[in-house]
Amino acid sequence: MDQAVERFEDQGRLVALVLRQQADLGPGVHFLTPDDLTQQLAYMDNPAGRVISPHMHNPSLRQVTQTGEVLFIRSGRLLVELFHQDKSPLAQVVLGPGDLVLLCGAPHGFKVLERCQMIEIKQGPYMGAQEKHYLFADQK
């Protein structure tokens, strides 16, 4: 796929979303995720001089059962492998500089194709080693 926004679904449910560096969705705020997703991703194109009034988010008790992740690629190339819940392959996508992926439900793995500097943002709090398990026993 060579689209600005790529959505990956498993049984009708969004499990990953790629926002390419070249994405230009037009002026305004464009939320790319459904309202009920535990992590929200928006593309924003704001004109110079726009003011976003100082604000804070109200406390709200939320139940989170999965760890969402966002990876932002600063440099290099990364292959993202997505899997169905039954461990069968779902999709592969190559990310390059400026690309971003939101992982929100699919089992996943990575292969570094070129030296890769990336930033990871995850849903907290961190639960230690118990936070994940590996799909294939021979790979860690």
Protein backbone atom coordinates (compact mmCIF):
# COMPACT_ATOMS: atom_id res chain seq x y z
CA MET A 1 0.00 0.00 0.00
CA ASP A 2 1.17 3.51 -0.74
CA GLN A 3 -1.47 5.50 1.11
CA ALA A 4 -1.13 8.31 3.61
CA VAL A 5 -3.22 6.37 6.15
CA GLU A 6 -3.30 2.57 6.22
CA ARG A 7 -5.75 0.71 8.44
CA PHE A 8 -5.38 -2.94 9.37
CA GLU A 9 -8.36 -4.84 10.71
CA ASP A 10 -8.92 -8.30 12.12
CA GLN A 11 -12.52 -9.53 12.11
CA GLY A 12 -13.78 -5.99 11.53
CA ARG A 13 -11.79 -4.49 14.42
CA LEU A 14 -9.00 -1.95 13.95
CA VAL A 15 -5.74 -3.51 15.16
CA ALA A 16 -3.12 -1.20 13.60
CA LEU A 17 -2.97 2.12 11.84
CA VAL A 18 -0.07 3.60 9.87
CA LEU A 19 0.23 7.34 9.29
CA ARG A 20 2.79 8.05 6.59
CA GLN A 21 5.21 10.97 6.71
CA GLN A 22 3.70 12.42 3.52
CA ALA A 23 0.15 12.44 4.93
CA ASP A 24 -1.71 15.67 4.22
CA LEU A 25 -5.32 15.28 5.25
CA GLY A 26 -6.13 18.96 4.95
CA PRO A 27 -6.75 21.72 7.46
CA GLY A 28 -8.35 20.95 10.78
CA VAL A 29 -8.37 18.09 13.25
CA HIS A 30 -8.89 14.59 11.87
CA PHE A 31 -9.29 11.78 14.39
CA LEU A 32 -8.23 8.52 12.75
CA THR A 33 -9.36 6.14 15.49
CA PRO A 34 -12.83 5.19 16.73
CA ASP A 35 -14.03 6.94 19.88
CA ASP A 36 -13.99 3.73 21.93
CA LEU A 37 -10.32 2.89 21.27
CA THR A 38 -8.09 3.15 24.37
CA GLN A 39 -5.56 5.28 22.47
CA GLN A 40 -6.65 8.07 20.19
CA LEU A 41 -4.71 9.23 17.14
CA ALA A 42 -5.42 12.51 15.37
CA TYR A 43 -3.83 14.33 12.46
CA MET A 44 -3.85 18.10 12.95
CA ASP A 45 -3.12 20.82 10.41
CA ASN A 46 -3.30 24.19 12.16
CA PRO A 47 -2.80 27.61 10.59
CA ALA A 48 -0.25 30.01 12.06
CA GLY A 49 -1.82 32.06 14.81
CA ARG A 50 -4.38 29.48 15.88
CA VAL A 51 -4.67 29.35 19.65
CA ILE A 52 -5.54 26.16 21.48
CA SER A 53 -6.80 27.42 24.81
CA PRO A 54 -5.00 26.14 27.90
CA HIS A 55 -6.87 23.15 29.22
CA MET A 56 -6.59 19.96 31.22
CA HIS A 57 -8.38 16.65 30.96
CA ASN A 58 -10.88 15.72 33.64
CA PRO A 59 -10.13 12.67 35.77
CA SER A 60 -11.98 9.67 34.41
CA LEU A 61 -11.78 6.06 35.49
CA ARG A 62 -11.08 3.93 32.43
CA GLN A 63 -10.63 0.20 32.12
CA VAL A 64 -7.73 -0.74 29.86
CA THR A 65 -7.16 -4.41 29.09
CA GLN A 66 -4.53 -4.18 26.34
CA THR A 67 -1.30 -2.27 25.96
CA GLY A 68 -1.43 0.11 23.02
CA GLU A 69 1.80 1.21 21.38
CA VAL A 70 2.81 4.02 19.05
CA LEU A 71 6.12 3.90 17.18
CA PHE A 72 7.48 6.97 15.41
CA ILE A 73 10.36 6.28 13.01
CA ARG A 74 13.02 9.00 13.11
CA SER A 75 15.43 7.31 10.72
CA GLY A 76 15.98 3.97 9.01
CA ARG A 77 13.48 1.33 7.98
CA LEU A 78 11.44 -1.08 10.09
CA LEU A 79 9.33 -4.05 8.99
CA VAL A 80 6.21 -4.41 11.13
CA GLU A 81 4.68 -7.89 11.12
CA LEU A 82 1.05 -8.17 12.25
CA PHE A 83 -0.60 -11.44 13.22
CA HIS A 84 -4.12 -12.71 13.79
CA GLN A 85 -4.96 -13.89 17.32
CA ASP A 86 -4.42 -17.49 16.12
CA LYS A 87 -0.77 -16.53 15.30
CA SER A 88 -1.26 -16.69 11.52
CA PRO A 89 0.16 -13.77 9.49
CA LEU A 90 -2.18 -10.81 8.99
CA ALA A 91 0.00 -8.22 7.21
CA GLN A 92 3.45 -6.74 6.84
CA VAL A 93 4.24 -3.08 6.41
CA VAL A 94 7.56 -1.25 6.02
CA LEU A 95 7.96 2.04 7.87
CA GLY A 96 10.46 4.74 6.99
CA PRO A 97 11.52 8.12 8.37
CA GLY A 98 8.59 10.19 9.58
CA ASP A 99 6.14 7.27 9.55
CA LEU A 100 4.09 6.37 12.61
CA VAL A 101 2.25 3.19 13.55
CA LEU A 102 -0.42 2.75 16.21
CA LEU A 103 -0.60 -0.87 17.40
CA CYS A 104 -3.94 -1.46 19.07
CA GLY A 105 -4.71 -5.14 19.31
CA ALA A 106 -2.81 -7.30 16.85
CA PRO A 107 0.06 -9.52 17.96
CA HIS A 108 3.12 -8.00 16.32
CA GLY A 109 6.84 -8.26 15.73
CA PHE A 110 9.54 -6.18 14.09
CA LYS A 111 12.56 -6.61 11.85
CA VAL A 112 15.04 -3.77 11.54
CA LEU A 113 15.80 -3.42 7.82
CA GLU A 114 18.17 -0.45 8.21
CA ARG A 115 19.59 1.03 11.40
CA CYS A 116 16.47 2.47 12.93
CA GLN A 117 15.97 5.25 15.45
CA MET A 118 12.43 5.28 16.76
CA ILE A 119 10.35 6.64 19.57
CA GLU A 120 7.91 4.35 21.38
CA ILE A 121 4.88 5.51 23.34
CA LYS A 122 2.99 2.83 25.29
CA GLN A 123 -0.07 2.62 27.45
CA GLY A 124 0.97 2.52 31.10
CA PRO A 125 1.53 1.70 33.82
CA TYR A 126 4.33 -0.73 32.97
CA MET A 127 3.55 -4.22 34.28
CA GLY A 128 7.04 -5.75 33.97
CA ALA A 129 7.79 -9.10 32.33
CA GLN A 130 4.20 -10.26 32.80
CA GLU A 131 3.04 -7.59 30.34
CA LYS A 132 3.62 -9.72 27.24
CA HIS A 133 4.20 -13.22 25.98
CA TYR A 134 5.88 -14.40 22.81
CA LEU A 135 3.89 -16.09 20.04
CA PHE A 136 6.61 -18.56 19.16
CA ALA A 137 8.58 -20.20 21.99
CA ASP A 138 11.83 -20.28 20.00
CA GLN A 139 11.84 -16.51 19.39
CA LYS A 140 12.58 -13.92 22.07
